[in-house]
Amino acid sequence: MHMSARGALTPRIRVVTLVDYLTLAGGAERLAVLITTRLDPERFEATLCVSRHPRDPPQRLDESGLRAQMVMDRSHVPVLGLRRRRKLEVVPWLRLARFLRSHRIDVVHSHKFGSNVWGSVVARAVGTPVVIAHEHTWSYEGQPLRRFVDREVIARCADRFIAVSREDQRRMTEVEGIDPERTLFIPNGVTDIAAPTGKDVRAELGITPTAPVVGAVAVLRPQKAQEVLLEAAVILVAKRPDATVLIVGGGPERAALERRAAELGVGGSVRFLGDRADVSDVLAALDVAVCSSDFEGSPLAVMEYMEAAVPIVSTAVGGVPDLIESGIHGLLVPRRDPAAMAAAIEQLLGDPESARAMGLAARERRRAEFEVDVQVRRLEALYEELLVERGRRS
């Protein structure tokens, strides 16, 4: 209960946040954890529902999952695991339906396509007052079935369909034909990332203090197009043989990328570091940070680069131009253009004073416009506004 403006006790709003995995590795998954744990506990009773959460988390979760579980434990926000193993498995969603009914949930807020489909259908079927779907990047070129499901299932069941960039919102309405009144643009935000501890990552990796170091932090999946960075590295290393490229993160593409680096002859200049808990220290070791993605929503990695004030080179895709004004906060290049990427990296390496100014401008913009608590306050207001519309709040 919390005290209303008129002095009466009002029940807390019961919110279920639905996502596929418990992890801090992916942007959408990390935001689901941050949003759930940062809702005002005086006004909201939060639960994180993870459809593919294993039955015995300590034995099954990877390192990133265990760190996410620790965040949830410290915040005293419960995690409901549905133990879903296959795409079309129905029983886990019956568990969710029973939970929504028995706990009289007020708001279901799902993240990413699969959870958006099931979450919006199940929540609407059991009469949950407010249903919100959250798409973290629009990537449905050449996928008419997914566009159909977005428009005819998710958008019809959800009260609001949130886009994380203006470009994604435009595609939802103009390409998919979703009613603009049902869409809403809310930019992502990040917390202030941990300050570097002073750990010397260059020394750990045997890199000299003056050698150029370029890096990327990403889940290694096709969307992130790390092979483009590898091809850019060929051009870069030809001009600067002492340059090193660090790729931070794990994922299904790692083995293929390692093979590709060897094929391109840059295996000795590219280091795959896997998942790291000390990303702030790695960022402090970089001269330039890179995002080579084919598509993005509002990438948290780029926001982390901004917060770390590392000069940025990124593809001009999705919501990245909402974050980075080329020449002011970093440099934007066309997607799938390794020559342009290498030239932009070389430009920043060759003009450290200008690069440093861009990094500082990016940090200032991130702190002013892309803070996770601003995002959470907007979501809290949305939950309350929609409950008022449904007659569940005065």
Protein backbone atom coordinates (compact mmCIF):
# COMPACT_ATOMS: atom_id res chain seq x y z
CA MET A 1 0.00 0.00 0.00
CA HIS A 2 1.04 3.61 -0.51
CA MET A 3 -0.56 6.91 0.42
CA SER A 4 -2.44 8.63 -2.38
CA ALA A 5 -2.57 12.41 -2.89
CA ARG A 6 -5.82 12.49 -0.89
CA GLY A 7 -4.29 10.65 2.03
CA ALA A 8 -5.98 7.29 1.34
CA LEU A 9 -4.11 4.01 1.21
CA THR A 10 -3.86 2.71 -2.36
CA PRO A 11 -2.78 -0.84 -3.24
CA ARG A 12 0.53 -1.09 -5.06
CA ILE A 13 0.36 -1.72 -8.80
CA ARG A 14 1.33 -5.33 -9.51
CA VAL A 15 3.67 -5.52 -12.53
CA VAL A 16 5.09 -8.58 -14.29
CA THR A 17 8.04 -7.96 -16.60
CA LEU A 18 8.39 -10.82 -19.10
CA VAL A 19 11.60 -11.74 -20.93
CA ASP A 20 13.10 -14.93 -22.40
CA TYR A 21 16.37 -15.19 -20.45
CA LEU A 22 17.83 -14.07 -17.14
CA THR A 23 21.13 -12.48 -18.17
CA LEU A 24 22.98 -9.19 -18.28
CA ALA A 25 24.65 -10.03 -21.61
CA GLY A 26 21.88 -8.89 -23.97
CA GLY A 27 20.61 -5.31 -24.06
CA ALA A 28 16.90 -6.14 -23.80
CA GLU A 29 17.48 -8.69 -21.04
CA ARG A 30 19.65 -6.28 -19.06
CA LEU A 31 17.03 -3.55 -19.39
CA ALA A 32 14.29 -5.91 -18.20
CA VAL A 33 16.36 -6.52 -15.03
CA LEU A 34 17.06 -2.80 -14.55
CA ILE A 35 13.46 -1.73 -15.11
CA THR A 36 12.05 -4.38 -12.77
CA THR A 37 14.47 -3.62 -9.96
CA ARG A 38 14.15 0.17 -10.26
CA LEU A 39 10.37 0.51 -10.14
CA ASP A 40 9.36 2.53 -7.08
CA PRO A 41 8.70 -0.17 -4.44
CA GLU A 42 6.30 2.15 -2.60
CA ARG A 43 3.96 2.20 -5.60
CA PHE A 44 4.77 -0.97 -7.53
CA GLU A 45 4.99 -4.66 -6.65
CA ALA A 46 7.32 -6.11 -9.30
CA THR A 47 8.00 -9.64 -10.53
CA LEU A 48 10.46 -10.64 -13.26
CA CYS A 49 9.10 -13.55 -15.27
CA VAL A 50 11.72 -15.45 -17.30
CA SER A 51 10.24 -17.90 -19.79
CA ARG A 52 13.43 -19.91 -20.29
CA HIS A 53 14.65 -19.72 -16.68
CA PRO A 54 15.98 -23.15 -15.62
CA ARG A 55 14.53 -24.98 -12.66
CA ASP A 56 17.77 -24.91 -10.66
CA PRO A 57 19.40 -21.54 -11.42
CA PRO A 58 22.69 -22.00 -9.54
CA GLN A 59 23.45 -25.18 -11.49
CA ARG A 60 22.26 -24.00 -14.89
CA LEU A 61 22.92 -20.25 -15.23
CA ASP A 62 26.07 -18.98 -16.93
CA GLU A 63 28.25 -16.26 -15.38
CA SER A 64 26.11 -13.43 -16.73
CA GLY A 65 22.95 -15.16 -15.55
CA LEU A 66 24.37 -15.60 -12.06
CA ARG A 67 25.24 -11.89 -11.94
CA ALA A 68 21.68 -11.07 -13.03
CA GLN A 69 20.32 -13.36 -10.31
CA MET A 70 22.49 -11.54 -7.75
CA VAL A 71 21.01 -8.20 -8.87
CA MET A 72 17.51 -9.61 -8.43
CA ASP A 73 18.35 -11.06 -5.00
CA ARG A 74 19.81 -7.76 -3.78
CA SER A 75 16.71 -5.92 -4.95
CA HIS A 76 14.37 -8.48 -3.30
CA VAL A 77 12.39 -8.73 -6.55
CA PRO A 78 11.13 -12.29 -7.14
CA VAL A 79 11.95 -14.22 -10.31
CA LEU A 80 9.25 -16.48 -11.76
CA GLY A 81 10.76 -19.14 -14.05
CA LEU A 82 8.47 -20.77 -16.62
CA ARG A 83 11.05 -23.42 -17.66
CA ARG A 84 10.16 -23.20 -21.36
CA ARG A 85 12.41 -25.37 -23.56
CA ARG A 86 10.78 -25.29 -27.01
CA LYS A 87 9.24 -22.55 -29.12
CA LEU A 88 5.74 -23.97 -29.32
CA GLU A 89 5.59 -25.43 -25.80
CA VAL A 90 2.26 -24.40 -24.26
CA VAL A 91 2.48 -25.63 -20.66
CA PRO A 92 4.83 -22.83 -19.48
CA TRP A 93 2.33 -20.22 -20.70
CA LEU A 94 -0.43 -21.94 -18.73
CA ARG A 95 1.80 -21.42 -15.67
CA LEU A 96 1.99 -17.73 -16.52
CA ALA A 97 -1.78 -17.53 -16.98
CA ARG A 98 -2.37 -19.08 -13.54
CA PHE A 99 0.11 -16.66 -11.97
CA LEU A 100 -1.51 -13.61 -13.59
CA ARG A 101 -4.95 -14.68 -12.37
CA SER A 102 -4.01 -15.79 -8.86
CA HIS A 103 -1.90 -12.70 -8.14
CA ARG A 104 -4.34 -10.31 -9.84
CA ILE A 105 -1.59 -8.71 -11.89
CA ASP A 106 -2.33 -5.19 -13.14
CA VAL A 107 0.36 -4.79 -15.82
CA VAL A 108 2.24 -7.24 -18.05
CA HIS A 109 5.22 -5.66 -19.80
CA SER A 110 6.99 -8.02 -22.22
CA HIS A 111 10.30 -7.60 -24.07
CA LYS A 112 11.32 -8.86 -27.57
CA PHE A 113 9.34 -10.73 -30.19
CA GLY A 114 8.74 -14.15 -28.62
CA SER A 115 7.76 -12.79 -25.21
CA ASN A 116 5.71 -10.08 -26.89
CA VAL A 117 3.63 -12.66 -28.78
CA TRP A 118 2.98 -15.01 -25.89
CA GLY A 119 2.85 -12.37 -23.18
CA SER A 120 0.32 -10.17 -24.97
CA VAL A 121 -1.94 -13.10 -25.93
CA VAL A 122 -1.87 -14.76 -22.49
CA ALA A 123 -2.28 -11.51 -20.56
CA ARG A 124 -5.20 -10.41 -22.72
CA ALA A 125 -6.82 -13.84 -22.51
CA VAL A 126 -6.87 -13.81 -18.69
CA GLY A 127 -8.07 -10.22 -18.49
CA THR A 128 -4.92 -8.43 -17.30
CA PRO A 129 -5.92 -4.73 -17.38
CA VAL A 130 -2.77 -3.32 -19.02
CA VAL A 131 -0.62 -5.11 -21.60
CA ILE A 132 2.58 -3.55 -22.98
CA ALA A 133 4.91 -4.97 -25.64
CA HIS A 134 8.46 -3.65 -25.99
CA GLU A 135 10.45 -4.18 -29.20
CA HIS A 136 14.18 -3.54 -28.83
CA THR A 137 15.16 -3.51 -32.48
CA TRP A 138 13.15 -3.71 -35.68
CA SER A 139 14.69 -6.37 -37.88
CA TYR A 140 11.90 -7.84 -39.95
CA GLU A 141 13.06 -7.04 -43.50
CA GLY A 142 12.02 -9.97 -45.67
CA GLN A 143 9.97 -11.54 -42.86
CA PRO A 144 6.30 -10.98 -43.82
CA LEU A 145 5.03 -13.51 -41.26
CA ARG A 146 6.72 -11.69 -38.38
CA ARG A 147 5.40 -8.35 -39.63
CA PHE A 148 1.91 -9.89 -39.79
CA VAL A 149 2.20 -11.20 -36.22
CA ASP A 150 3.47 -7.83 -35.02
CA ARG A 151 0.48 -6.05 -36.57
CA GLU A 152 -2.35 -8.54 -36.16
CA VAL A 153 -1.44 -10.22 -32.86
CA ILE A 154 0.91 -8.16 -30.71
CA ALA A 155 -0.34 -4.70 -31.66
CA ARG A 156 -3.99 -5.75 -31.35
CA CYS A 157 -3.51 -7.37 -27.93
CA ALA A 158 -1.18 -4.77 -26.41
CA ASP A 159 -2.34 -1.38 -25.20
CA ARG A 160 0.98 0.13 -26.26
CA PHE A 161 3.77 -1.14 -28.49
CA ILE A 162 7.02 0.54 -27.41
CA ALA A 163 9.82 1.31 -29.88
CA VAL A 164 13.30 2.23 -28.65
CA SER A 165 14.11 4.50 -31.61
CA ARG A 166 12.21 6.87 -33.86
CA GLU A 167 13.30 4.83 -36.87
CA ASP A 168 11.84 1.65 -35.34
CA GLN A 169 8.58 3.49 -34.60
CA ARG A 170 8.46 4.73 -38.20
CA ARG A 171 8.92 1.18 -39.52
CA MET A 172 6.22 -0.15 -37.20
CA THR A 173 3.69 2.31 -38.58
CA GLU A 174 4.79 2.76 -42.21
CA VAL A 175 6.13 -0.72 -43.06
CA GLU A 176 4.01 -2.94 -40.79
CA GLY A 177 0.88 -0.81 -40.80
CA ILE A 178 0.45 -0.71 -37.02
CA ASP A 179 -1.91 1.97 -35.72
CA PRO A 180 0.31 4.94 -34.75
CA GLU A 181 -1.88 5.52 -31.68
CA ARG A 182 -0.73 2.19 -30.27
CA THR A 183 2.99 2.86 -30.73
CA LEU A 184 5.16 4.85 -28.36
CA PHE A 185 8.82 5.88 -28.58
CA ILE A 186 10.73 5.62 -25.31
CA PRO A 187 14.52 5.76 -25.66
CA ASN A 188 16.64 3.30 -23.72
CA GLY A 189 18.87 4.38 -20.88
CA VAL A 190 21.78 2.93 -18.94
CA THR A 191 23.04 3.36 -15.43
CA ASP A 192 26.33 5.08 -14.79
CA ILE A 193 28.71 2.23 -15.52
CA ALA A 194 31.19 1.31 -12.86
CA ALA A 195 34.27 3.51 -12.83
CA PRO A 196 37.49 1.78 -13.95
CA THR A 197 39.26 0.15 -11.05
CA GLY A 198 42.68 1.14 -12.34
CA LYS A 199 43.37 -2.39 -13.52
CA ASP A 200 45.80 -2.28 -16.47
CA VAL A 201 44.08 -4.36 -19.14
CA ARG A 202 46.78 -3.49 -21.68
CA ALA A 203 49.47 -4.92 -19.40
CA GLU A 204 47.31 -8.02 -18.79
CA LEU A 205 47.11 -8.59 -22.54
CA GLY A 206 50.71 -7.68 -23.28
CA ILE A 207 49.86 -4.52 -25.23
CA THR A 208 52.22 -1.55 -24.95
CA PRO A 209 50.84 1.75 -23.58
CA THR A 210 51.30 3.58 -26.91
CA ALA A 211 49.92 0.93 -29.30
CA PRO A 212 46.53 1.75 -30.92
CA VAL A 213 43.73 -0.33 -29.40
CA VAL A 214 40.28 -0.60 -30.98
CA GLY A 215 37.48 -2.56 -29.37
CA ALA A 216 33.87 -3.69 -29.53
CA VAL A 217 31.55 -5.00 -26.81
CA ALA A 218 28.73 -7.17 -28.17
CA VAL A 219 26.91 -10.46 -28.00
CA LEU A 220 28.48 -12.31 -30.94
CA ARG A 221 25.44 -12.99 -33.11
CA PRO A 222 24.85 -12.21 -36.82
CA GLN A 223 23.14 -8.86 -36.16
CA LYS A 224 26.38 -7.42 -34.73
CA ALA A 225 28.31 -8.02 -37.99
CA GLN A 226 31.68 -8.34 -36.29
CA GLU A 227 33.10 -9.73 -39.53
CA VAL A 228 32.92 -6.18 -40.90
CA LEU A 229 35.18 -5.02 -38.05
CA LEU A 230 37.56 -7.88 -38.91
CA GLU A 231 37.69 -6.74 -42.53
CA ALA A 232 38.30 -3.16 -41.37
CA ALA A 233 41.09 -4.51 -39.16
CA VAL A 234 42.89 -5.82 -42.27
CA ILE A 235 43.05 -2.25 -43.63
CA LEU A 236 43.94 -0.76 -40.26
CA VAL A 237 46.73 -3.23 -39.45
CA ALA A 238 48.27 -2.70 -42.90
CA LYS A 239 48.77 0.97 -41.94
CA ARG A 240 49.40 0.43 -38.24
CA PRO A 241 51.00 -2.97 -37.66
CA ASP A 242 51.05 -2.45 -33.88
CA ALA A 243 47.26 -1.99 -33.70
CA THR A 244 45.16 -4.45 -31.67
CA VAL A 245 41.42 -5.12 -31.95
CA LEU A 246 39.66 -6.41 -28.82
CA ILE A 247 36.28 -8.13 -29.17
CA VAL A 248 34.49 -8.49 -25.83
CA GLY A 249 31.53 -10.83 -25.46
CA GLY A 250 30.46 -14.39 -26.14
CA GLY A 251 27.86 -15.81 -28.46
CA PRO A 252 27.11 -18.30 -31.23
CA GLU A 253 29.31 -16.56 -33.82
CA ARG A 254 32.56 -16.62 -31.85
CA ALA A 255 34.13 -19.72 -33.43
CA ALA A 256 33.24 -18.56 -36.96
CA LEU A 257 34.67 -15.10 -36.27
CA GLU A 258 37.91 -16.57 -34.93
CA ARG A 259 38.22 -18.63 -38.11
CA ARG A 260 37.48 -15.57 -40.24
CA ALA A 261 40.17 -13.53 -38.46
CA ALA A 262 42.69 -16.27 -39.19
CA GLU A 263 41.61 -16.44 -42.86
CA LEU A 264 42.05 -12.67 -43.19
CA GLY A 265 45.52 -12.85 -41.68
CA VAL A 266 44.70 -10.71 -38.63
CA GLY A 267 44.43 -13.53 -36.08
CA GLY A 268 47.47 -12.17 -34.24
CA SER A 269 46.04 -8.64 -34.07
CA VAL A 270 42.50 -9.51 -32.98
CA ARG A 271 41.87 -10.76 -29.44
CA PHE A 272 38.57 -12.42 -28.48
CA LEU A 273 38.15 -11.82 -24.75
CA GLY A 274 34.77 -13.50 -24.16
CA ASP A 275 32.42 -12.22 -21.47
CA ARG A 276 34.13 -9.90 -19.00
CA ALA A 277 32.90 -8.56 -15.68
CA ASP A 278 35.40 -5.66 -15.94
CA VAL A 279 34.04 -3.96 -19.06
CA SER A 280 34.76 -0.50 -17.62
CA ASP A 281 38.46 -1.40 -17.36
CA VAL A 282 38.45 -2.75 -20.92
CA LEU A 283 36.81 0.44 -22.22
CA ALA A 284 39.45 2.50 -20.39
CA ALA A 285 42.10 0.64 -22.41
CA LEU A 286 40.58 1.57 -25.80
CA ASP A 287 41.49 4.39 -28.15
CA VAL A 288 38.36 3.82 -30.26
CA ALA A 289 35.16 1.83 -29.59
CA VAL A 290 33.24 0.33 -32.52
CA CYS A 291 29.67 -0.76 -33.24
CA SER A 292 29.52 -2.60 -36.59
CA SER A 293 25.88 -3.77 -36.42
CA ASP A 294 23.62 -4.36 -39.42
CA PHE A 295 20.64 -3.13 -37.40
CA GLU A 296 20.04 -1.78 -33.92
CA GLY A 297 17.32 -0.32 -31.77
CA SER A 298 18.90 1.85 -29.12
CA PRO A 299 22.12 -0.06 -28.34
CA LEU A 300 23.23 -0.12 -24.73
CA ALA A 301 26.82 -0.85 -25.76
CA VAL A 302 27.00 2.47 -27.62
CA MET A 303 25.58 4.22 -24.55
CA GLU A 304 28.27 2.57 -22.44
CA TYR A 305 30.91 3.80 -24.87
CA MET A 306 29.41 7.27 -24.49
CA GLU A 307 29.50 7.08 -20.70
CA ALA A 308 33.12 5.95 -20.80
CA ALA A 309 33.94 8.91 -23.11
CA VAL A 310 35.66 6.57 -25.57
CA PRO A 311 35.72 7.96 -29.15
CA ILE A 312 33.11 6.01 -31.16
CA VAL A 313 32.81 4.70 -34.71
CA SER A 314 29.42 3.15 -35.46
CA THR A 315 27.28 2.11 -38.38
CA ALA A 316 24.45 4.59 -38.98
CA VAL A 317 21.64 2.09 -38.39
CA GLY A 318 18.35 2.08 -36.48
CA GLY A 319 18.43 4.32 -33.43
CA VAL A 320 22.20 4.98 -33.45
CA PRO A 321 21.77 8.41 -35.14
CA ASP A 322 19.45 9.32 -32.22
CA LEU A 323 22.49 8.81 -29.96
CA ILE A 324 25.44 9.94 -32.08
CA GLU A 325 25.56 13.03 -34.26
CA SER A 326 28.42 12.29 -36.63
CA GLY A 327 31.35 14.62 -36.12
CA ILE A 328 30.03 15.76 -32.72
CA HIS A 329 29.72 12.65 -30.55
CA GLY A 330 31.61 10.21 -32.78
CA LEU A 331 31.71 9.14 -36.43
CA LEU A 332 28.95 7.27 -38.29
CA VAL A 333 29.63 5.09 -41.33
CA PRO A 334 27.43 3.08 -43.72
CA ARG A 335 26.66 -0.52 -42.78
CA ARG A 336 28.74 -3.28 -44.38
CA ASP A 337 31.49 -0.84 -45.45
CA PRO A 338 34.78 -1.97 -43.89
CA ALA A 339 36.79 0.61 -45.86
CA ALA A 340 34.68 3.46 -44.45
CA MET A 341 34.93 1.95 -40.97
CA ALA A 342 38.71 1.64 -41.19
CA ALA A 343 38.99 5.23 -42.47
CA ALA A 344 36.88 6.54 -39.57
CA ILE A 345 38.94 4.60 -37.01
CA GLU A 346 42.15 5.93 -38.59
CA GLN A 347 40.75 9.48 -38.51
CA LEU A 348 40.14 9.28 -34.75
CA LEU A 349 43.50 7.61 -34.06
CA GLY A 350 45.23 10.32 -36.09
CA ASP A 351 43.59 13.23 -34.29
CA PRO A 352 43.54 12.38 -30.57
CA GLU A 353 42.49 15.88 -29.50
CA SER A 354 39.38 15.88 -31.69
CA ALA A 355 38.64 12.28 -30.71
CA ARG A 356 38.82 13.14 -27.03
CA ALA A 357 36.44 16.09 -27.53
CA MET A 358 33.92 13.79 -29.24
CA GLY A 359 34.18 11.29 -26.39
CA LEU A 360 33.51 13.95 -23.77
CA ALA A 361 30.58 15.37 -25.78
CA ALA A 362 29.11 11.88 -26.03
CA ARG A 363 29.39 11.37 -22.28
CA GLU A 364 27.67 14.70 -21.61
CA ARG A 365 24.81 13.81 -23.97
CA ARG A 366 24.37 10.33 -22.48
CA ARG A 367 24.07 11.71 -18.97
CA ALA A 368 21.60 14.38 -20.04
CA GLU A 369 19.32 12.28 -22.26
CA PHE A 370 19.81 8.52 -21.86
CA GLU A 371 19.58 7.61 -18.18
CA VAL A 372 17.76 4.45 -17.16
CA ASP A 373 15.94 6.10 -14.25
CA VAL A 374 14.40 8.62 -16.70
CA GLN A 375 13.19 5.66 -18.77
CA VAL A 376 11.77 3.92 -15.69
CA ARG A 377 9.90 7.05 -14.55
CA ARG A 378 8.31 7.29 -18.01
CA LEU A 379 7.23 3.65 -17.80
CA GLU A 380 5.78 4.13 -14.32
CA ALA A 381 3.74 7.08 -15.62
CA LEU A 382 2.58 4.97 -18.58
CA TYR A 383 1.45 2.10 -16.32
CA GLU A 384 -0.57 4.50 -14.17
CA GLU A 385 -2.02 6.38 -17.14
CA LEU A 386 -3.26 3.19 -18.80
CA LEU A 387 -4.73 1.88 -15.53
CA VAL A 388 -6.65 5.14 -15.20
CA GLU A 389 -7.93 4.67 -18.76
CA ARG A 390 -9.10 1.15 -17.82
CA GLY A 391 -10.87 2.48 -14.73
CA ARG A 392 -8.51 0.63 -12.37
CA ARG A 393 -7.06 3.80 -10.85
CA SER A 394 -8.58 7.16 -10.08
